[in-house]
Amino acid sequence: MGVALVATLNPEVLLTRAFEEHYESVRRFACVYRNEHHDREAADEIASETFARAVRLWSRFDPDLGSLRAWLFGIAANVAREHQRSGRPAQRSRKDAK
């Protein structure tokens, strides 16, 4: 989505389009980032939280600073790091490995 398109759409429409266009790539990023290729549930949780935060943080998005996709991936990296620190998906994976 270009800067001109971002400026003309209301946030609800833009976030809906962003979800439709980027959810799968954000989910795949979460799998790779966490090295949890087998844990779709953890990747879905990270991707869902990414979009929930995007809604809450929408006023901070500035298309002059970067693309919507890059902004979403920045949020996804933060969410994935938080999940990693908390051990949520990692604990389940270690337990399953035993």
N, C-alpha and C. Protein backbone atom coordinates (compact mmCIF):
# COMPACT_ATOMS: atom_id res chain seq x y z
N MET A 1 0.85 -1.18 0.00
CA MET A 1 0.00 0.00 0.00
C MET A 1 0.89 1.23 0.00
N GLY A 2 0.59 2.15 -0.89
CA GLY A 2 1.38 3.36 -0.99
C GLY A 2 0.94 4.41 0.01
N VAL A 3 1.79 5.44 0.17
CA VAL A 3 1.50 6.53 1.10
C VAL A 3 0.21 7.22 0.73
N ALA A 4 -0.04 7.43 -0.57
CA ALA A 4 -1.26 8.11 -1.01
C ALA A 4 -2.49 7.29 -0.61
N LEU A 5 -2.42 5.98 -0.76
CA LEU A 5 -3.55 5.12 -0.39
C LEU A 5 -3.78 5.16 1.11
N VAL A 6 -2.70 5.12 1.87
CA VAL A 6 -2.82 5.18 3.33
C VAL A 6 -3.53 6.45 3.76
N ALA A 7 -3.21 7.56 3.11
CA ALA A 7 -3.79 8.84 3.47
C ALA A 7 -5.27 8.92 3.15
N THR A 8 -5.74 8.15 2.15
CA THR A 8 -7.14 8.26 1.74
C THR A 8 -8.07 7.28 2.44
N LEU A 9 -7.55 6.25 3.06
CA LEU A 9 -8.39 5.24 3.67
C LEU A 9 -8.57 5.51 5.16
N ASN A 10 -9.74 5.16 5.67
CA ASN A 10 -9.90 5.28 7.12
C ASN A 10 -9.18 4.10 7.78
N PRO A 11 -8.81 4.25 9.04
CA PRO A 11 -8.01 3.21 9.71
C PRO A 11 -8.65 1.82 9.69
N GLU A 12 -9.95 1.75 9.86
CA GLU A 12 -10.62 0.44 9.88
C GLU A 12 -10.44 -0.28 8.56
N VAL A 13 -10.63 0.43 7.45
CA VAL A 13 -10.47 -0.18 6.13
C VAL A 13 -9.01 -0.57 5.91
N LEU A 14 -8.11 0.31 6.28
CA LEU A 14 -6.69 0.04 6.09
C LEU A 14 -6.22 -1.16 6.91
N LEU A 15 -6.65 -1.24 8.15
CA LEU A 15 -6.24 -2.37 8.99
C LEU A 15 -6.86 -3.68 8.52
N THR A 16 -8.08 -3.62 7.99
CA THR A 16 -8.70 -4.82 7.43
C THR A 16 -7.90 -5.30 6.23
N ARG A 17 -7.53 -4.37 5.36
CA ARG A 17 -6.72 -4.74 4.19
C ARG A 17 -5.35 -5.25 4.62
N ALA A 18 -4.76 -4.61 5.61
CA ALA A 18 -3.45 -5.04 6.10
C ALA A 18 -3.52 -6.46 6.63
N PHE A 19 -4.59 -6.77 7.38
CA PHE A 19 -4.77 -8.12 7.89
C PHE A 19 -4.87 -9.12 6.74
N GLU A 20 -5.70 -8.80 5.77
CA GLU A 20 -5.90 -9.70 4.63
C GLU A 20 -4.61 -9.91 3.84
N GLU A 21 -3.82 -8.85 3.68
CA GLU A 21 -2.61 -8.93 2.87
C GLU A 21 -1.40 -9.48 3.62
N HIS A 22 -1.33 -9.27 4.93
CA HIS A 22 -0.09 -9.54 5.64
C HIS A 22 -0.17 -10.59 6.75
N TYR A 23 -1.37 -11.07 7.09
CA TYR A 23 -1.46 -12.00 8.21
C TYR A 23 -0.58 -13.23 8.01
N GLU A 24 -0.68 -13.87 6.86
CA GLU A 24 0.08 -15.10 6.62
C GLU A 24 1.59 -14.85 6.67
N SER A 25 2.05 -13.75 6.11
CA SER A 25 3.49 -13.49 6.15
C SER A 25 3.96 -13.15 7.56
N VAL A 26 3.12 -12.49 8.35
CA VAL A 26 3.46 -12.22 9.75
C VAL A 26 3.49 -13.53 10.52
N ARG A 27 2.55 -14.42 10.26
CA ARG A 27 2.52 -15.72 10.93
C ARG A 27 3.76 -16.54 10.58
N ARG A 28 4.14 -16.55 9.30
CA ARG A 28 5.35 -17.28 8.89
C ARG A 28 6.59 -16.67 9.53
N PHE A 29 6.64 -15.34 9.61
CA PHE A 29 7.75 -14.66 10.28
C PHE A 29 7.84 -15.12 11.73
N ALA A 30 6.70 -15.22 12.41
CA ALA A 30 6.69 -15.66 13.81
C ALA A 30 7.23 -17.08 13.93
N CYS A 31 6.87 -17.95 13.00
CA CYS A 31 7.40 -19.33 13.01
C CYS A 31 8.91 -19.34 12.88
N VAL A 32 9.42 -18.57 11.94
CA VAL A 32 10.87 -18.53 11.70
C VAL A 32 11.58 -17.85 12.86
N TYR A 33 11.04 -16.74 13.32
CA TYR A 33 11.67 -16.00 14.41
C TYR A 33 11.80 -16.85 15.65
N ARG A 34 10.76 -17.56 15.97
CA ARG A 34 10.74 -18.40 17.18
C ARG A 34 11.30 -19.79 16.91
N ASN A 35 11.61 -20.10 15.65
CA ASN A 35 12.06 -21.44 15.29
C ASN A 35 11.06 -22.48 15.77
N GLU A 36 9.80 -22.15 15.60
CA GLU A 36 8.68 -23.00 16.05
C GLU A 36 7.85 -23.45 14.85
N HIS A 37 8.49 -24.00 13.85
CA HIS A 37 7.78 -24.38 12.63
C HIS A 37 6.65 -25.37 12.89
N HIS A 38 6.78 -26.15 13.93
CA HIS A 38 5.78 -27.19 14.23
C HIS A 38 4.64 -26.66 15.09
N ASP A 39 4.75 -25.42 15.59
CA ASP A 39 3.76 -24.92 16.56
C ASP A 39 2.93 -23.79 15.93
N ARG A 40 1.97 -24.18 15.15
CA ARG A 40 1.12 -23.20 14.47
C ARG A 40 0.34 -22.36 15.48
N GLU A 41 -0.02 -22.96 16.60
CA GLU A 41 -0.78 -22.23 17.62
C GLU A 41 0.01 -21.04 18.16
N ALA A 42 1.29 -21.24 18.44
CA ALA A 42 2.13 -20.15 18.94
C ALA A 42 2.29 -19.07 17.88
N ALA A 43 2.49 -19.47 16.63
CA ALA A 43 2.64 -18.50 15.54
C ALA A 43 1.35 -17.71 15.34
N ASP A 44 0.20 -18.38 15.42
CA ASP A 44 -1.08 -17.69 15.29
C ASP A 44 -1.29 -16.71 16.45
N GLU A 45 -0.88 -17.12 17.64
CA GLU A 45 -1.01 -16.24 18.80
C GLU A 45 -0.17 -14.97 18.62
N ILE A 46 1.05 -15.13 18.12
CA ILE A 46 1.93 -13.98 17.89
C ILE A 46 1.36 -13.10 16.79
N ALA A 47 0.90 -13.70 15.71
CA ALA A 47 0.34 -12.91 14.60
C ALA A 47 -0.93 -12.17 15.04
N SER A 48 -1.78 -12.84 15.79
CA SER A 48 -3.01 -12.20 16.27
C SER A 48 -2.70 -11.03 17.19
N GLU A 49 -1.76 -11.23 18.09
CA GLU A 49 -1.37 -10.15 19.00
C GLU A 49 -0.74 -9.00 18.22
N THR A 50 -0.01 -9.30 17.16
CA THR A 50 0.58 -8.25 16.32
C THR A 50 -0.51 -7.33 15.77
N PHE A 51 -1.57 -7.93 15.24
CA PHE A 51 -2.64 -7.11 14.66
C PHE A 51 -3.46 -6.41 15.73
N ALA A 52 -3.62 -7.02 16.89
CA ALA A 52 -4.33 -6.35 17.99
C ALA A 52 -3.55 -5.12 18.42
N ARG A 53 -2.24 -5.24 18.50
CA ARG A 53 -1.42 -4.07 18.85
C ARG A 53 -1.45 -3.01 17.77
N ALA A 54 -1.46 -3.45 16.52
CA ALA A 54 -1.51 -2.49 15.41
C ALA A 54 -2.77 -1.62 15.53
N VAL A 55 -3.87 -2.22 15.91
CA VAL A 55 -5.11 -1.46 16.10
C VAL A 55 -4.92 -0.43 17.22
N ARG A 56 -4.36 -0.88 18.35
CA ARG A 56 -4.16 0.02 19.50
C ARG A 56 -3.14 1.12 19.21
N LEU A 57 -2.12 0.80 18.40
CA LEU A 57 -1.03 1.73 18.14
C LEU A 57 -1.18 2.48 16.82
N TRP A 58 -2.33 2.37 16.19
CA TRP A 58 -2.51 2.92 14.85
C TRP A 58 -2.07 4.38 14.75
N SER A 59 -2.33 5.17 15.76
CA SER A 59 -1.99 6.60 15.69
C SER A 59 -0.47 6.82 15.59
N ARG A 60 0.31 5.82 15.90
CA ARG A 60 1.78 5.94 15.81
C ARG A 60 2.33 5.59 14.43
N PHE A 61 1.51 4.99 13.58
CA PHE A 61 2.00 4.62 12.26
C PHE A 61 2.19 5.86 11.41
N ASP A 62 3.38 6.00 10.83
CA ASP A 62 3.70 7.13 9.95
C ASP A 62 4.22 6.58 8.63
N PRO A 63 3.42 6.64 7.57
CA PRO A 63 3.85 6.08 6.28
C PRO A 63 5.09 6.76 5.71
N ASP A 64 5.42 7.96 6.19
CA ASP A 64 6.63 8.63 5.72
C ASP A 64 7.89 7.96 6.29
N LEU A 65 7.75 7.19 7.37
CA LEU A 65 8.90 6.54 8.00
C LEU A 65 9.12 5.11 7.50
N GLY A 66 8.14 4.54 6.85
CA GLY A 66 8.28 3.18 6.34
C GLY A 66 6.94 2.61 5.96
N SER A 67 6.99 1.44 5.36
CA SER A 67 5.76 0.81 4.88
C SER A 67 4.97 0.22 6.04
N LEU A 68 3.70 0.00 5.78
CA LEU A 68 2.84 -0.65 6.76
C LEU A 68 3.35 -2.05 7.07
N ARG A 69 3.79 -2.75 6.05
CA ARG A 69 4.34 -4.10 6.24
C ARG A 69 5.54 -4.07 7.19
N ALA A 70 6.45 -3.14 6.98
CA ALA A 70 7.63 -3.04 7.86
C ALA A 70 7.20 -2.72 9.29
N TRP A 71 6.23 -1.85 9.45
CA TRP A 71 5.73 -1.50 10.78
C TRP A 71 5.14 -2.73 11.47
N LEU A 72 4.35 -3.50 10.72
CA LEU A 72 3.75 -4.71 11.27
C LEU A 72 4.83 -5.73 11.67
N PHE A 73 5.84 -5.87 10.85
CA PHE A 73 6.90 -6.82 11.17
C PHE A 73 7.70 -6.36 12.39
N GLY A 74 7.84 -5.06 12.57
CA GLY A 74 8.48 -4.55 13.79
C GLY A 74 7.67 -4.91 15.03
N ILE A 75 6.37 -4.75 14.93
CA ILE A 75 5.49 -5.13 16.05
C ILE A 75 5.60 -6.64 16.28
N ALA A 76 5.57 -7.41 15.19
CA ALA A 76 5.65 -8.87 15.31
C ALA A 76 6.95 -9.31 15.99
N ALA A 77 8.06 -8.66 15.66
CA ALA A 77 9.34 -9.01 16.29
C ALA A 77 9.28 -8.74 17.79
N ASN A 78 8.67 -7.62 18.17
CA ASN A 78 8.53 -7.31 19.60
C ASN A 78 7.66 -8.34 20.31
N VAL A 79 6.54 -8.69 19.69
CA VAL A 79 5.63 -9.67 20.29
C VAL A 79 6.34 -11.03 20.41
N ALA A 80 7.06 -11.44 19.37
CA ALA A 80 7.76 -12.73 19.40
C ALA A 80 8.83 -12.74 20.50
N ARG A 81 9.55 -11.63 20.65
CA ARG A 81 10.55 -11.54 21.73
C ARG A 81 9.89 -11.66 23.09
N GLU A 82 8.75 -11.00 23.26
CA GLU A 82 8.04 -11.09 24.54
C GLU A 82 7.58 -12.51 24.83
N HIS A 83 7.11 -13.20 23.80
CA HIS A 83 6.69 -14.59 23.98
C HIS A 83 7.90 -15.45 24.34
N GLN A 84 9.02 -15.17 23.70
CA GLN A 84 10.23 -15.93 23.97
C GLN A 84 10.68 -15.72 25.41
N ARG A 85 10.66 -14.48 25.88
CA ARG A 85 11.06 -14.18 27.25
C ARG A 85 10.11 -14.85 28.26
N SER A 86 8.83 -14.84 27.93
CA SER A 86 7.86 -15.40 28.87
C SER A 86 7.90 -16.93 28.88
N GLY A 87 8.43 -17.49 27.80
CA GLY A 87 8.52 -18.94 27.72
C GLY A 87 7.24 -19.63 27.35
N ARG A 88 6.21 -18.87 26.94
CA ARG A 88 4.91 -19.50 26.65
C ARG A 88 5.02 -20.63 25.63
N PRO A 89 5.37 -20.34 24.37
CA PRO A 89 5.44 -21.45 23.41
C PRO A 89 6.63 -22.36 23.67
N ALA A 90 7.75 -21.80 24.13
CA ALA A 90 8.95 -22.60 24.33
C ALA A 90 8.75 -23.65 25.42
N GLN A 91 8.05 -23.32 26.48
CA GLN A 91 7.80 -24.28 27.55
C GLN A 91 7.01 -25.47 27.02
N ARG A 92 5.99 -25.18 26.23
CA ARG A 92 5.17 -26.25 25.67
C ARG A 92 6.03 -27.14 24.77
N SER A 93 6.92 -26.57 23.98
CA SER A 93 7.75 -27.35 23.07
C SER A 93 8.72 -28.23 23.83
N ARG A 94 9.34 -27.72 24.89
CA ARG A 94 10.27 -28.53 25.69
C ARG A 94 9.54 -29.69 26.35
N LYS A 95 8.36 -29.44 26.86
CA LYS A 95 7.59 -30.48 27.52
C LYS A 95 7.22 -31.58 26.51
N ASP A 96 6.81 -31.13 25.30
CA ASP A 96 6.42 -32.10 24.27
C ASP A 96 7.61 -32.94 23.81
N ALA A 97 8.82 -32.39 23.90
CA ALA A 97 10.01 -33.10 23.44
C ALA A 97 10.40 -34.23 24.38
N LYS A 98 9.94 -34.19 25.62
CA LYS A 98 10.31 -35.23 26.60
C LYS A 98 9.58 -36.52 26.34
